[in-house]
Each structure stands twice: as structure tokens, then as C-alpha cells.
Amino acid sequence: MAGSHRFGERFPMARHMPQVLDDIGTAAVRLVAVQGYEATTLAQIAAEVGLSKSALLYHFNSKEELLSQALEGPARELRVFFAAAANWSPAELLAGFVDLVVTHRYEVLVFVRFNRQITALPSIQKVSHLIDDVVGLFVAESAPLDRRVAVHLALGGIVETVLNVLDVPDDELRAALIPAAAGALGSVPDSKIADVTIADGDDERRSSDGG
């Protein structure tokens, strides 16, 4: 389209290097999410950020290395999420999970759709065990099976919803998701978040006296 430009297309060298690498990672994740892992090439990623393929190869030896680096940030945030979870209230835990999924919706989409292709990437290997443990943050492993299944469905519903409304702004999506998810999880008696009440998009637990 006349007058439109991709990332840094006109002045690629004017960007600071950290920004260039961030742009490359963002472009790689979004291209893979939209058109597929196998279909996305280094040449396409380079073109998306206004670089030549040879310039891209100066920073990354392969598509696998590039994508692993691009997924490192979200993987790091997942580790921080788990480290902080023990000190969070149930409402904070839910808000943190929603925020993680909403903020990194394209990375989550890549993981969900192309898990087989990316499971060997170093950044994914570092957190694969944590991804499997997310449900345990919301319901005890000793809880009856039907209740654990209900939490699986609720958390899976959050992810599925986010991946089907990629064009909704982050703040709007968070505001809609948090109370809906709190209601779903609150219907599970043994859920660690069952006593949480969310009002007006606020993710803070109400005190028992209504204050």
C-alpha cells in the first residue's frame, strides 16, 4: 500500500540495536502465529522489519534460534509468575494469569498451535514443567477429579478466549475476562479462588465486611 511502511523500513539503521532485536522477535512470533511455523521463513521475518536476510543472519543463525530468543521474555515472566504466586491472594493469582495470557497472546498461540515444533527450543524447555503445573496453583492436587477437571476447563477457556479475539485491546480483554473467569472458578468448591468476588473489573478481593 502506498505510503505504508513496515518496522523501520525507511530508516532501519536509525533504531537502537535492542529495539531492532525486539522488532525481529515480535515479527517472528506474529508471522509464525498467523501463517504457521513451517511456512514462515527468515527472509519473510527480515522483510517485515526492513532488513535483508543476510543482516538477520548476522544476529541469528537459524529460525529456531530466533524464535527461542523471542520466546525467552514470556518464559521469564512465567517463571516470575510462579515465584510470586505463593504470596498472592486468589484474586491476584487470577489477574496475574489473565495478564500473562493477554499480554503474550501471540506467543501463547504459537505454543498452543505449534507445540510439537517448538518443544525442543531452549526457552520452552526451561518452562515446560511450569506450564504443566499451572492448574496446581488454582486447585489442590488432592481435590476430587471433577473439580480439577472444572479448573482445567476454566483456565483452558481463558486461553481459548484470548486466542479467538486477538484484535481486542489488552485492557478491554482483561476487564471482560477477569470477572467472567472469577465466576467460573468460583463455582468450583475446592478451587483456591472460590471465595473471590470481582466487581467492576477490579481484581482485588473484597473484605468480609464489604469494605
N, C-alpha and C. Protein backbone atom coordinates (compact mmCIF):
# COMPACT_ATOMS: atom_id res chain seq x y z
N MET A 1 0.85 -1.19 0.00
CA MET A 1 0.00 0.00 0.00
C MET A 1 0.89 1.24 0.00
N ALA A 2 0.58 2.20 -0.83
CA ALA A 2 1.40 3.41 -0.94
C ALA A 2 1.40 4.15 0.38
N GLY A 3 2.62 4.58 0.77
CA GLY A 3 2.76 5.39 1.97
C GLY A 3 2.84 4.58 3.25
N SER A 4 2.69 3.24 3.19
CA SER A 4 2.79 2.42 4.40
C SER A 4 4.20 1.85 4.50
N HIS A 5 4.62 1.58 5.74
CA HIS A 5 5.98 1.08 5.96
C HIS A 5 5.95 0.03 7.05
N ARG A 6 6.75 -0.99 6.89
CA ARG A 6 6.93 -1.97 7.95
C ARG A 6 7.91 -1.40 8.97
N PHE A 7 8.17 -2.20 10.06
CA PHE A 7 9.08 -1.74 11.11
C PHE A 7 10.38 -1.24 10.51
N GLY A 8 10.70 0.01 10.72
CA GLY A 8 12.00 0.55 10.34
C GLY A 8 12.34 0.44 8.88
N GLU A 9 11.36 0.29 8.03
CA GLU A 9 11.63 0.06 6.62
C GLU A 9 12.40 1.22 6.00
N ARG A 10 12.07 2.42 6.41
CA ARG A 10 12.73 3.58 5.81
C ARG A 10 14.09 3.85 6.45
N PHE A 11 14.16 3.68 7.78
CA PHE A 11 15.40 4.03 8.47
C PHE A 11 15.83 2.90 9.41
N PRO A 12 16.14 1.72 8.88
CA PRO A 12 16.45 0.59 9.75
C PRO A 12 17.66 0.83 10.63
N MET A 13 18.64 1.58 10.19
CA MET A 13 19.84 1.77 10.97
C MET A 13 19.66 2.84 12.05
N ALA A 14 18.55 3.57 12.00
CA ALA A 14 18.31 4.62 12.98
C ALA A 14 17.82 4.05 14.31
N ARG A 15 17.39 2.80 14.32
CA ARG A 15 16.90 2.20 15.55
C ARG A 15 18.05 1.70 16.40
N HIS A 16 17.89 1.75 17.72
CA HIS A 16 18.89 1.17 18.60
C HIS A 16 18.83 -0.34 18.49
N MET A 17 19.98 -1.00 18.69
CA MET A 17 20.04 -2.45 18.48
C MET A 17 19.04 -3.23 19.34
N PRO A 18 18.87 -2.92 20.64
CA PRO A 18 17.86 -3.67 21.40
C PRO A 18 16.47 -3.58 20.79
N GLN A 19 16.14 -2.39 20.23
CA GLN A 19 14.83 -2.23 19.60
C GLN A 19 14.75 -3.06 18.32
N VAL A 20 15.85 -3.11 17.58
CA VAL A 20 15.88 -3.93 16.36
C VAL A 20 15.62 -5.39 16.72
N LEU A 21 16.29 -5.89 17.75
CA LEU A 21 16.12 -7.29 18.14
C LEU A 21 14.71 -7.54 18.65
N ASP A 22 14.15 -6.58 19.38
CA ASP A 22 12.76 -6.73 19.83
C ASP A 22 11.81 -6.78 18.64
N ASP A 23 12.03 -5.90 17.66
CA ASP A 23 11.18 -5.87 16.47
C ASP A 23 11.26 -7.20 15.71
N ILE A 24 12.48 -7.74 15.61
CA ILE A 24 12.67 -9.02 14.92
C ILE A 24 11.89 -10.11 15.64
N GLY A 25 12.01 -10.16 16.97
CA GLY A 25 11.31 -11.17 17.74
C GLY A 25 9.80 -11.06 17.62
N THR A 26 9.30 -9.82 17.70
CA THR A 26 7.86 -9.60 17.58
C THR A 26 7.36 -10.04 16.20
N ALA A 27 8.10 -9.68 15.16
CA ALA A 27 7.70 -10.06 13.81
C ALA A 27 7.71 -11.57 13.63
N ALA A 28 8.73 -12.23 14.18
CA ALA A 28 8.84 -13.68 14.05
C ALA A 28 7.66 -14.38 14.71
N VAL A 29 7.35 -13.98 15.92
CA VAL A 29 6.25 -14.61 16.66
C VAL A 29 4.93 -14.40 15.95
N ARG A 30 4.68 -13.19 15.49
CA ARG A 30 3.39 -12.90 14.85
C ARG A 30 3.26 -13.59 13.50
N LEU A 31 4.33 -13.66 12.75
CA LEU A 31 4.27 -14.36 11.47
C LEU A 31 4.02 -15.85 11.68
N VAL A 32 4.72 -16.45 12.62
CA VAL A 32 4.52 -17.87 12.91
C VAL A 32 3.09 -18.11 13.39
N ALA A 33 2.59 -17.23 14.26
CA ALA A 33 1.24 -17.39 14.79
C ALA A 33 0.19 -17.33 13.69
N VAL A 34 0.41 -16.45 12.72
CA VAL A 34 -0.60 -16.22 11.68
C VAL A 34 -0.49 -17.22 10.53
N GLN A 35 0.74 -17.49 10.06
CA GLN A 35 0.85 -18.31 8.85
C GLN A 35 1.50 -19.68 9.08
N GLY A 36 1.96 -19.96 10.31
CA GLY A 36 2.48 -21.28 10.60
C GLY A 36 3.99 -21.33 10.75
N TYR A 37 4.45 -22.33 11.48
CA TYR A 37 5.88 -22.46 11.76
C TYR A 37 6.67 -22.79 10.50
N GLU A 38 6.24 -23.81 9.80
CA GLU A 38 6.98 -24.25 8.61
C GLU A 38 6.91 -23.21 7.50
N ALA A 39 5.79 -22.50 7.41
CA ALA A 39 5.59 -21.55 6.31
C ALA A 39 6.36 -20.25 6.50
N THR A 40 6.79 -19.97 7.71
CA THR A 40 7.49 -18.71 7.98
C THR A 40 8.98 -18.87 7.73
N THR A 41 9.54 -17.98 6.94
CA THR A 41 10.96 -18.05 6.60
C THR A 41 11.72 -16.86 7.18
N LEU A 42 13.03 -17.03 7.26
CA LEU A 42 13.88 -15.93 7.73
C LEU A 42 13.77 -14.72 6.81
N ALA A 43 13.65 -14.98 5.51
CA ALA A 43 13.53 -13.88 4.55
C ALA A 43 12.26 -13.06 4.83
N GLN A 44 11.15 -13.73 5.15
CA GLN A 44 9.91 -13.02 5.45
C GLN A 44 10.05 -12.20 6.73
N ILE A 45 10.67 -12.78 7.74
CA ILE A 45 10.86 -12.07 9.00
C ILE A 45 11.73 -10.84 8.78
N ALA A 46 12.81 -11.01 8.02
CA ALA A 46 13.71 -9.89 7.72
C ALA A 46 12.97 -8.78 7.00
N ALA A 47 12.17 -9.15 6.00
CA ALA A 47 11.43 -8.15 5.24
C ALA A 47 10.44 -7.40 6.12
N GLU A 48 9.87 -8.10 7.09
CA GLU A 48 8.88 -7.49 7.97
C GLU A 48 9.48 -6.37 8.82
N VAL A 49 10.76 -6.46 9.12
CA VAL A 49 11.41 -5.44 9.95
C VAL A 49 12.33 -4.53 9.14
N GLY A 50 12.25 -4.64 7.80
CA GLY A 50 13.02 -3.75 6.95
C GLY A 50 14.50 -4.09 6.87
N LEU A 51 14.84 -5.36 7.03
CA LEU A 51 16.23 -5.80 6.93
C LEU A 51 16.39 -6.81 5.81
N SER A 52 17.61 -7.05 5.41
CA SER A 52 17.89 -8.13 4.47
C SER A 52 18.06 -9.43 5.25
N LYS A 53 17.92 -10.54 4.58
CA LYS A 53 18.11 -11.84 5.24
C LYS A 53 19.52 -11.95 5.77
N SER A 54 20.52 -11.46 5.04
CA SER A 54 21.90 -11.54 5.49
C SER A 54 22.11 -10.74 6.77
N ALA A 55 21.42 -9.58 6.88
CA ALA A 55 21.52 -8.78 8.10
C ALA A 55 20.89 -9.52 9.28
N LEU A 56 19.79 -10.22 9.00
CA LEU A 56 19.14 -11.00 10.05
C LEU A 56 20.05 -12.13 10.53
N LEU A 57 20.73 -12.77 9.58
CA LEU A 57 21.61 -13.88 9.92
C LEU A 57 22.85 -13.42 10.70
N TYR A 58 23.11 -12.13 10.68
CA TYR A 58 24.21 -11.59 11.49
C TYR A 58 23.88 -11.75 12.98
N HIS A 59 22.58 -11.72 13.31
CA HIS A 59 22.15 -11.81 14.71
C HIS A 59 21.70 -13.21 15.10
N PHE A 60 21.15 -13.97 14.15
CA PHE A 60 20.60 -15.29 14.46
C PHE A 60 21.04 -16.28 13.39
N ASN A 61 21.45 -17.45 13.83
CA ASN A 61 21.92 -18.48 12.89
C ASN A 61 20.80 -19.26 12.24
N SER A 62 19.62 -19.24 12.84
CA SER A 62 18.51 -20.05 12.32
C SER A 62 17.19 -19.50 12.82
N LYS A 63 16.12 -19.97 12.21
CA LYS A 63 14.78 -19.59 12.65
C LYS A 63 14.53 -20.11 14.06
N GLU A 64 15.05 -21.30 14.37
CA GLU A 64 14.87 -21.88 15.69
C GLU A 64 15.52 -21.01 16.77
N GLU A 65 16.74 -20.55 16.49
CA GLU A 65 17.43 -19.71 17.46
C GLU A 65 16.70 -18.38 17.65
N LEU A 66 16.21 -17.82 16.55
CA LEU A 66 15.48 -16.56 16.62
C LEU A 66 14.21 -16.71 17.45
N LEU A 67 13.44 -17.75 17.16
CA LEU A 67 12.17 -17.94 17.86
C LEU A 67 12.40 -18.26 19.34
N SER A 68 13.43 -19.03 19.64
CA SER A 68 13.74 -19.33 21.04
C SER A 68 14.05 -18.05 21.80
N GLN A 69 14.81 -17.16 21.17
CA GLN A 69 15.13 -15.89 21.81
C GLN A 69 13.89 -15.03 21.97
N ALA A 70 13.02 -15.05 20.98
CA ALA A 70 11.79 -14.26 21.04
C ALA A 70 10.87 -14.74 22.15
N LEU A 71 10.90 -16.04 22.45
CA LEU A 71 10.04 -16.61 23.48
C LEU A 71 10.66 -16.57 24.87
N GLU A 72 11.90 -16.11 24.97
CA GLU A 72 12.60 -16.08 26.25
C GLU A 72 11.94 -15.11 27.22
N GLY A 73 11.51 -13.94 26.72
CA GLY A 73 10.87 -12.96 27.59
C GLY A 73 9.61 -13.49 28.26
N PRO A 74 8.65 -14.01 27.49
CA PRO A 74 7.46 -14.60 28.10
C PRO A 74 7.78 -15.78 29.03
N ALA A 75 8.78 -16.58 28.65
CA ALA A 75 9.18 -17.70 29.51
C ALA A 75 9.70 -17.18 30.85
N ARG A 76 10.47 -16.10 30.81
CA ARG A 76 10.98 -15.50 32.04
C ARG A 76 9.83 -14.97 32.90
N GLU A 77 8.84 -14.36 32.26
CA GLU A 77 7.70 -13.83 33.01
C GLU A 77 6.89 -14.95 33.63
N LEU A 78 6.82 -16.11 32.97
CA LEU A 78 6.13 -17.25 33.55
C LEU A 78 6.85 -17.73 34.81
N ARG A 79 8.18 -17.73 34.79
CA ARG A 79 8.94 -18.13 35.97
C ARG A 79 8.71 -17.15 37.12
N VAL A 80 8.65 -15.85 36.79
CA VAL A 80 8.38 -14.83 37.81
C VAL A 80 6.98 -15.02 38.38
N PHE A 81 6.02 -15.33 37.51
CA PHE A 81 4.64 -15.57 37.93
C PHE A 81 4.58 -16.68 38.97
N PHE A 82 5.27 -17.78 38.71
CA PHE A 82 5.26 -18.90 39.65
C PHE A 82 5.96 -18.54 40.95
N ALA A 83 7.04 -17.78 40.86
CA ALA A 83 7.77 -17.39 42.06
C ALA A 83 6.93 -16.50 42.96
N ALA A 84 6.10 -15.65 42.35
CA ALA A 84 5.29 -14.71 43.12
C ALA A 84 3.97 -15.31 43.59
N ALA A 85 3.52 -16.38 42.95
CA ALA A 85 2.18 -16.91 43.18
C ALA A 85 1.92 -17.29 44.62
N ALA A 86 2.93 -17.79 45.32
CA ALA A 86 2.74 -18.23 46.69
C ALA A 86 2.34 -17.10 47.63
N ASN A 87 2.69 -15.87 47.27
CA ASN A 87 2.39 -14.72 48.12
C ASN A 87 1.20 -13.91 47.65
N TRP A 88 0.52 -14.38 46.62
CA TRP A 88 -0.61 -13.65 46.07
C TRP A 88 -1.94 -14.12 46.65
N SER A 89 -2.88 -13.19 46.72
CA SER A 89 -4.24 -13.58 47.05
C SER A 89 -4.83 -14.31 45.84
N PRO A 90 -5.92 -15.04 46.02
CA PRO A 90 -6.55 -15.71 44.87
C PRO A 90 -6.89 -14.75 43.73
N ALA A 91 -7.38 -13.55 44.07
CA ALA A 91 -7.72 -12.60 43.03
C ALA A 91 -6.49 -12.13 42.27
N GLU A 92 -5.39 -11.92 43.00
CA GLU A 92 -4.14 -11.53 42.35
C GLU A 92 -3.62 -12.64 41.46
N LEU A 93 -3.79 -13.88 41.90
CA LEU A 93 -3.36 -15.03 41.11
C LEU A 93 -4.12 -15.08 39.79
N LEU A 94 -5.43 -14.92 39.85
CA LEU A 94 -6.24 -14.94 38.64
C LEU A 94 -5.87 -13.77 37.72
N ALA A 95 -5.75 -12.57 38.28
CA ALA A 95 -5.41 -11.41 37.48
C ALA A 95 -4.04 -11.58 36.84
N GLY A 96 -3.09 -12.17 37.59
CA GLY A 96 -1.76 -12.40 37.05
C GLY A 96 -1.77 -13.38 35.89
N PHE A 97 -2.56 -14.44 36.02
CA PHE A 97 -2.66 -15.42 34.94
C PHE A 97 -3.29 -14.80 33.69
N VAL A 98 -4.39 -14.08 33.89
CA VAL A 98 -5.06 -13.43 32.76
C VAL A 98 -4.10 -12.44 32.08
N ASP A 99 -3.40 -11.65 32.88
CA ASP A 99 -2.48 -10.66 32.32
C ASP A 99 -1.38 -11.32 31.51
N LEU A 100 -0.85 -12.44 32.02
CA LEU A 100 0.21 -13.16 31.32
C LEU A 100 -0.27 -13.65 29.95
N VAL A 101 -1.47 -14.23 29.93
CA VAL A 101 -2.01 -14.77 28.68
C VAL A 101 -2.37 -13.65 27.70
N VAL A 102 -2.98 -12.59 28.21
CA VAL A 102 -3.39 -11.48 27.34
C VAL A 102 -2.17 -10.76 26.77
N THR A 103 -1.21 -10.46 27.62
CA THR A 103 -0.02 -9.72 27.18
C THR A 103 0.77 -10.49 26.13
N HIS A 104 0.82 -11.80 26.28
CA HIS A 104 1.64 -12.63 25.38
C HIS A 104 0.76 -13.55 24.54
N ARG A 105 -0.33 -13.00 24.05
CA ARG A 105 -1.31 -13.83 23.34
C ARG A 105 -0.73 -14.48 22.08
N TYR A 106 0.14 -13.78 21.36
CA TYR A 106 0.71 -14.36 20.15
C TYR A 106 1.72 -15.46 20.49
N GLU A 107 2.48 -15.25 21.56
CA GLU A 107 3.40 -16.30 22.00
C GLU A 107 2.64 -17.54 22.47
N VAL A 108 1.53 -17.31 23.19
CA VAL A 108 0.69 -18.43 23.62
C VAL A 108 0.11 -19.16 22.42
N LEU A 109 -0.31 -18.41 21.42
CA LEU A 109 -0.86 -19.01 20.20
C LEU A 109 0.18 -19.89 19.52
N VAL A 110 1.41 -19.40 19.45
CA VAL A 110 2.49 -20.20 18.86
C VAL A 110 2.69 -21.49 19.66
N PHE A 111 2.68 -21.38 20.98
CA PHE A 111 2.89 -22.57 21.82
C PHE A 111 1.76 -23.57 21.64
N VAL A 112 0.53 -23.09 21.62
CA VAL A 112 -0.63 -23.98 21.53
C VAL A 112 -0.69 -24.67 20.16
N ARG A 113 -0.49 -23.90 19.10
CA ARG A 113 -0.67 -24.46 17.75
C ARG A 113 0.55 -25.23 17.25
N PHE A 114 1.73 -24.84 17.71
CA PHE A 114 2.95 -25.43 17.15
C PHE A 114 3.83 -26.02 18.24
N ASN A 115 3.19 -26.59 19.25
CA ASN A 115 3.92 -27.15 20.38
C ASN A 115 4.93 -28.20 19.95
N ARG A 116 4.54 -29.04 19.00
CA ARG A 116 5.44 -30.11 18.56
C ARG A 116 6.71 -29.55 17.94
N GLN A 117 6.58 -28.46 17.19
CA GLN A 117 7.74 -27.89 16.51
C GLN A 117 8.65 -27.11 17.44
N ILE A 118 8.10 -26.52 18.50
CA ILE A 118 8.92 -25.65 19.34
C ILE A 118 9.30 -26.26 20.68
N THR A 119 8.83 -27.46 20.96
CA THR A 119 9.05 -28.03 22.29
C THR A 119 10.52 -28.23 22.62
N ALA A 120 11.38 -28.34 21.60
CA ALA A 120 12.80 -28.54 21.84
C ALA A 120 13.59 -27.24 21.97
N LEU A 121 12.92 -26.10 21.76
CA LEU A 121 13.62 -24.83 21.88
C LEU A 121 14.07 -24.60 23.32
N PRO A 122 15.29 -24.12 23.54
CA PRO A 122 15.79 -23.93 24.91
C PRO A 122 14.87 -23.12 25.80
N SER A 123 14.30 -22.04 25.29
CA SER A 123 13.44 -21.19 26.12
C SER A 123 12.19 -21.93 26.56
N ILE A 124 11.69 -22.84 25.73
CA ILE A 124 10.50 -23.63 26.08
C ILE A 124 10.86 -24.75 27.06
N GLN A 125 11.99 -25.38 26.85
CA GLN A 125 12.42 -26.46 27.75
C GLN A 125 12.57 -25.98 29.18
N LYS A 126 12.95 -24.71 29.35
CA LYS A 126 13.15 -24.16 30.69
C LYS A 126 11.84 -24.05 31.48
N VAL A 127 10.72 -23.95 30.78
CA VAL A 127 9.45 -23.69 31.48
C VAL A 127 8.39 -24.75 31.19
N SER A 128 8.71 -25.78 30.44
CA SER A 128 7.69 -26.77 30.07
C SER A 128 7.06 -27.40 31.31
N HIS A 129 7.85 -27.63 32.36
CA HIS A 129 7.31 -28.23 33.59
C HIS A 129 6.37 -27.26 34.30
N LEU A 130 6.63 -25.97 34.19
CA LEU A 130 5.77 -24.98 34.82
C LEU A 130 4.43 -24.88 34.12
N ILE A 131 4.45 -24.96 32.80
CA ILE A 131 3.20 -24.90 32.04
C ILE A 131 2.27 -26.02 32.49
N ASP A 132 2.83 -27.19 32.74
CA ASP A 132 2.03 -28.32 33.19
C ASP A 132 1.52 -28.14 34.62
N ASP A 133 2.15 -27.25 35.40
CA ASP A 133 1.80 -27.09 36.82
C ASP A 133 0.85 -25.93 37.09
N VAL A 134 0.43 -25.20 36.05
CA VAL A 134 -0.40 -24.02 36.26
C VAL A 134 -1.69 -24.37 37.02
N VAL A 135 -2.33 -25.46 36.66
CA VAL A 135 -3.60 -25.83 37.30
C VAL A 135 -3.41 -25.99 38.80
N GLY A 136 -2.25 -26.52 39.21
CA GLY A 136 -1.99 -26.74 40.62
C GLY A 136 -1.97 -25.46 41.45
N LEU A 137 -1.80 -24.32 40.80
CA LEU A 137 -1.86 -23.06 41.51
C LEU A 137 -3.29 -22.71 41.92
N PHE A 138 -4.27 -23.27 41.19
CA PHE A 138 -5.67 -22.89 41.38
C PHE A 138 -6.49 -23.94 42.12
N VAL A 139 -6.05 -25.17 42.12
CA VAL A 139 -6.80 -26.22 42.82
C VAL A 139 -5.82 -27.28 43.31
N ALA A 140 -6.08 -27.79 44.50
CA ALA A 140 -5.18 -28.78 45.10
C ALA A 140 -5.19 -30.08 44.30
N GLU A 141 -4.02 -30.72 44.23
CA GLU A 141 -3.93 -31.98 43.51
C GLU A 141 -4.79 -33.06 44.16
N SER A 142 -5.05 -32.90 45.46
CA SER A 142 -5.85 -33.89 46.19
C SER A 142 -7.35 -33.67 46.01
N ALA A 143 -7.75 -32.61 45.33
CA ALA A 143 -9.17 -32.34 45.11
C ALA A 143 -9.78 -33.43 44.23
N PRO A 144 -11.07 -33.65 44.36
CA PRO A 144 -11.74 -34.65 43.52
C PRO A 144 -11.52 -34.35 42.03
N LEU A 145 -11.52 -35.41 41.25
CA LEU A 145 -11.25 -35.28 39.82
C LEU A 145 -12.18 -34.30 39.13
N ASP A 146 -13.47 -34.33 39.46
CA ASP A 146 -14.40 -33.46 38.76
C ASP A 146 -14.07 -31.99 39.01
N ARG A 147 -13.56 -31.67 40.18
CA ARG A 147 -13.22 -30.29 40.48
C ARG A 147 -11.92 -29.88 39.77
N ARG A 148 -10.97 -30.78 39.69
CA ARG A 148 -9.74 -30.48 38.95
C ARG A 148 -10.04 -30.30 37.47
N VAL A 149 -10.93 -31.14 36.96
CA VAL A 149 -11.33 -31.02 35.56
C VAL A 149 -12.00 -29.66 35.32
N ALA A 150 -12.83 -29.23 36.26
CA ALA A 150 -13.52 -27.94 36.11
C ALA A 150 -12.52 -26.79 36.04
N VAL A 151 -11.45 -26.85 36.84
CA VAL A 151 -10.43 -25.80 36.80
C VAL A 151 -9.67 -25.86 35.48
N HIS A 152 -9.36 -27.07 35.01
CA HIS A 152 -8.73 -27.22 33.70
C HIS A 152 -9.57 -26.53 32.63
N LEU A 153 -10.88 -26.77 32.67
CA LEU A 153 -11.76 -26.19 31.67
C LEU A 153 -11.81 -24.66 31.79
N ALA A 154 -11.83 -24.15 33.03
CA ALA A 154 -11.88 -22.71 33.22
C ALA A 154 -10.62 -22.02 32.71
N LEU A 155 -9.46 -22.57 33.07
CA LEU A 155 -8.19 -21.96 32.63
C LEU A 155 -8.01 -22.13 31.12
N GLY A 156 -8.39 -23.30 30.62
CA GLY A 156 -8.32 -23.51 29.18
C GLY A 156 -9.26 -22.57 28.45
N GLY A 157 -10.40 -22.27 29.07
CA GLY A 157 -11.33 -21.33 28.47
C GLY A 157 -10.76 -19.93 28.37
N ILE A 158 -9.97 -19.53 29.37
CA ILE A 158 -9.31 -18.22 29.32
C ILE A 158 -8.38 -18.16 28.12
N VAL A 159 -7.56 -19.19 27.98
CA VAL A 159 -6.60 -19.23 26.87
C VAL A 159 -7.32 -19.25 25.53
N GLU A 160 -8.32 -20.10 25.41
CA GLU A 160 -9.05 -20.23 24.14
C GLU A 160 -9.75 -18.93 23.78
N THR A 161 -10.31 -18.26 24.77
CA THR A 161 -10.98 -16.99 24.51
C THR A 161 -10.01 -15.95 23.98
N VAL A 162 -8.86 -15.83 24.64
CA VAL A 162 -7.85 -14.85 24.23
C VAL A 162 -7.40 -15.12 22.80
N LEU A 163 -7.21 -16.38 22.46
CA LEU A 163 -6.70 -16.73 21.14
C LEU A 163 -7.73 -16.53 20.04
N ASN A 164 -8.98 -16.35 20.42
CA ASN A 164 -10.02 -16.15 19.42
C ASN A 164 -10.46 -14.70 19.29
N VAL A 165 -9.85 -13.81 20.09
CA VAL A 165 -10.17 -12.38 19.99
C VAL A 165 -8.86 -11.59 19.97
N LEU A 166 -7.98 -11.95 19.06
CA LEU A 166 -6.65 -11.35 19.00
C LEU A 166 -6.68 -9.85 18.74
N ASP A 167 -7.78 -9.36 18.16
CA ASP A 167 -7.84 -7.94 17.79
C ASP A 167 -8.39 -7.06 18.90
N VAL A 168 -8.81 -7.63 20.03
CA VAL A 168 -9.35 -6.84 21.13
C VAL A 168 -8.20 -6.25 21.95
N PRO A 169 -8.23 -4.94 22.24
CA PRO A 169 -7.16 -4.33 23.04
C PRO A 169 -6.98 -5.01 24.39
N ASP A 170 -5.75 -5.03 24.87
CA ASP A 170 -5.41 -5.73 26.11
C ASP A 170 -6.31 -5.32 27.28
N ASP A 171 -6.45 -4.02 27.52
CA ASP A 171 -7.20 -3.55 28.68
C ASP A 171 -8.67 -3.98 28.62
N GLU A 172 -9.25 -3.90 27.44
CA GLU A 172 -10.66 -4.32 27.29
C GLU A 172 -10.81 -5.80 27.55
N LEU A 173 -9.86 -6.58 27.06
CA LEU A 173 -9.95 -8.02 27.22
C LEU A 173 -9.77 -8.42 28.68
N ARG A 174 -8.82 -7.79 29.36
CA ARG A 174 -8.63 -8.07 30.79
C ARG A 174 -9.89 -7.76 31.58
N ALA A 175 -10.47 -6.60 31.31
CA ALA A 175 -11.66 -6.16 32.04
C ALA A 175 -12.83 -7.13 31.86
N ALA A 176 -12.92 -7.74 30.70
CA ALA A 176 -14.00 -8.70 30.44
C ALA A 176 -13.69 -10.09 30.99
N LEU A 177 -12.43 -10.48 30.90
CA LEU A 177 -12.05 -11.83 31.27
C LEU A 177 -12.02 -12.07 32.77
N ILE A 178 -11.49 -11.12 33.52
CA ILE A 178 -11.26 -11.37 34.95
C ILE A 178 -12.55 -11.68 35.71
N PRO A 179 -13.60 -10.86 35.60
CA PRO A 179 -14.83 -11.21 36.32
C PRO A 179 -15.48 -12.49 35.81
N ALA A 180 -15.42 -12.73 34.49
CA ALA A 180 -16.01 -13.96 33.94
C ALA A 180 -15.27 -15.19 34.45
N ALA A 181 -13.94 -15.12 34.46
CA ALA A 181 -13.14 -16.24 34.93
C ALA A 181 -13.31 -16.46 36.42
N ALA A 182 -13.41 -15.36 37.17
CA ALA A 182 -13.63 -15.49 38.61
C ALA A 182 -14.94 -16.19 38.90
N GLY A 183 -15.97 -15.87 38.10
CA GLY A 183 -17.25 -16.54 38.27
C GLY A 183 -17.17 -18.02 37.97
N ALA A 184 -16.43 -18.38 36.91
CA ALA A 184 -16.30 -19.79 36.54
C ALA A 184 -15.51 -20.55 37.61
N LEU A 185 -14.42 -19.98 38.06
CA LEU A 185 -13.60 -20.66 39.07
C LEU A 185 -14.30 -20.67 40.42
N GLY A 186 -15.09 -19.64 40.69
CA GLY A 186 -15.80 -19.58 41.96
C GLY A 186 -16.86 -20.66 42.09
N SER A 187 -17.23 -21.27 40.99
CA SER A 187 -18.23 -22.34 41.03
C SER A 187 -17.60 -23.69 41.34
N VAL A 188 -16.27 -23.71 41.48
CA VAL A 188 -15.56 -24.94 41.80
C VAL A 188 -15.25 -24.93 43.29
N PRO A 189 -15.92 -25.73 44.11
CA PRO A 189 -15.79 -25.64 45.57
C PRO A 189 -14.36 -25.70 46.10
N ASP A 190 -13.51 -26.55 45.53
CA ASP A 190 -12.17 -26.71 46.05
C ASP A 190 -11.15 -25.83 45.35
N SER A 191 -11.62 -24.95 44.49
CA SER A 191 -10.70 -24.03 43.83
C SER A 191 -10.15 -23.06 44.85
N LYS A 192 -8.88 -22.75 44.75
CA LYS A 192 -8.26 -21.80 45.68
C LYS A 192 -8.77 -20.38 45.44
N ILE A 193 -9.55 -20.20 44.40
CA ILE A 193 -10.06 -18.87 44.09
C ILE A 193 -11.58 -18.80 44.27
N ALA A 194 -12.15 -19.83 44.91
CA ALA A 194 -13.60 -19.93 45.00
C ALA A 194 -14.23 -18.83 45.84
N ASP A 195 -13.45 -18.21 46.74
CA ASP A 195 -14.03 -17.19 47.62
C ASP A 195 -13.80 -15.78 47.11
N VAL A 196 -13.38 -15.65 45.86
CA VAL A 196 -13.07 -14.33 45.32
C VAL A 196 -14.29 -13.71 44.68
N THR A 197 -14.54 -12.46 44.97
CA THR A 197 -15.60 -11.70 44.31
C THR A 197 -14.96 -10.57 43.54
N ILE A 198 -15.26 -10.47 42.26
CA ILE A 198 -14.72 -9.42 41.42
C ILE A 198 -15.83 -8.45 41.07
N ALA A 199 -15.59 -7.18 41.25
CA ALA A 199 -16.63 -6.18 40.94
C ALA A 199 -16.05 -5.07 40.09
N ASP A 200 -16.81 -4.68 39.06
CA ASP A 200 -16.44 -3.55 38.21
C ASP A 200 -15.04 -3.67 37.64
N GLY A 201 -14.64 -4.90 37.30
CA GLY A 201 -13.33 -5.09 36.69
C GLY A 201 -12.19 -5.01 37.69
N ASP A 202 -12.49 -4.85 38.98
CA ASP A 202 -11.45 -4.75 40.00
C ASP A 202 -11.00 -6.14 40.37
N ASP A 203 -9.69 -6.37 40.46
CA ASP A 203 -9.19 -7.70 40.76
C ASP A 203 -8.70 -7.82 42.20
N GLU A 204 -9.24 -6.99 43.08
CA GLU A 204 -8.87 -7.10 44.48
C GLU A 204 -9.97 -7.81 45.25
N ARG A 205 -9.56 -8.65 46.20
CA ARG A 205 -10.52 -9.38 47.00
C ARG A 205 -11.28 -8.43 47.93
N ARG A 206 -12.57 -8.58 47.99
CA ARG A 206 -13.34 -7.78 48.95
C ARG A 206 -13.14 -8.34 50.33
N SER A 207 -13.11 -7.47 51.32
CA SER A 207 -13.02 -7.93 52.70
C SER A 207 -14.36 -8.45 53.12
N SER A 208 -14.39 -9.26 54.20
CA SER A 208 -15.62 -9.91 54.62
C SER A 208 -16.66 -8.90 55.08
N ASP A 209 -16.24 -7.67 55.48
CA ASP A 209 -17.21 -6.70 55.92
C ASP A 209 -17.71 -5.79 54.82
N GLY A 210 -17.27 -6.13 53.58
CA GLY A 210 -17.74 -5.36 52.43
C GLY A 210 -16.96 -4.11 52.19
N GLY A 211 -15.84 -3.88 52.90
CA GLY A 211 -15.08 -2.68 52.70
C GLY A 211 -14.21 -2.74 51.49
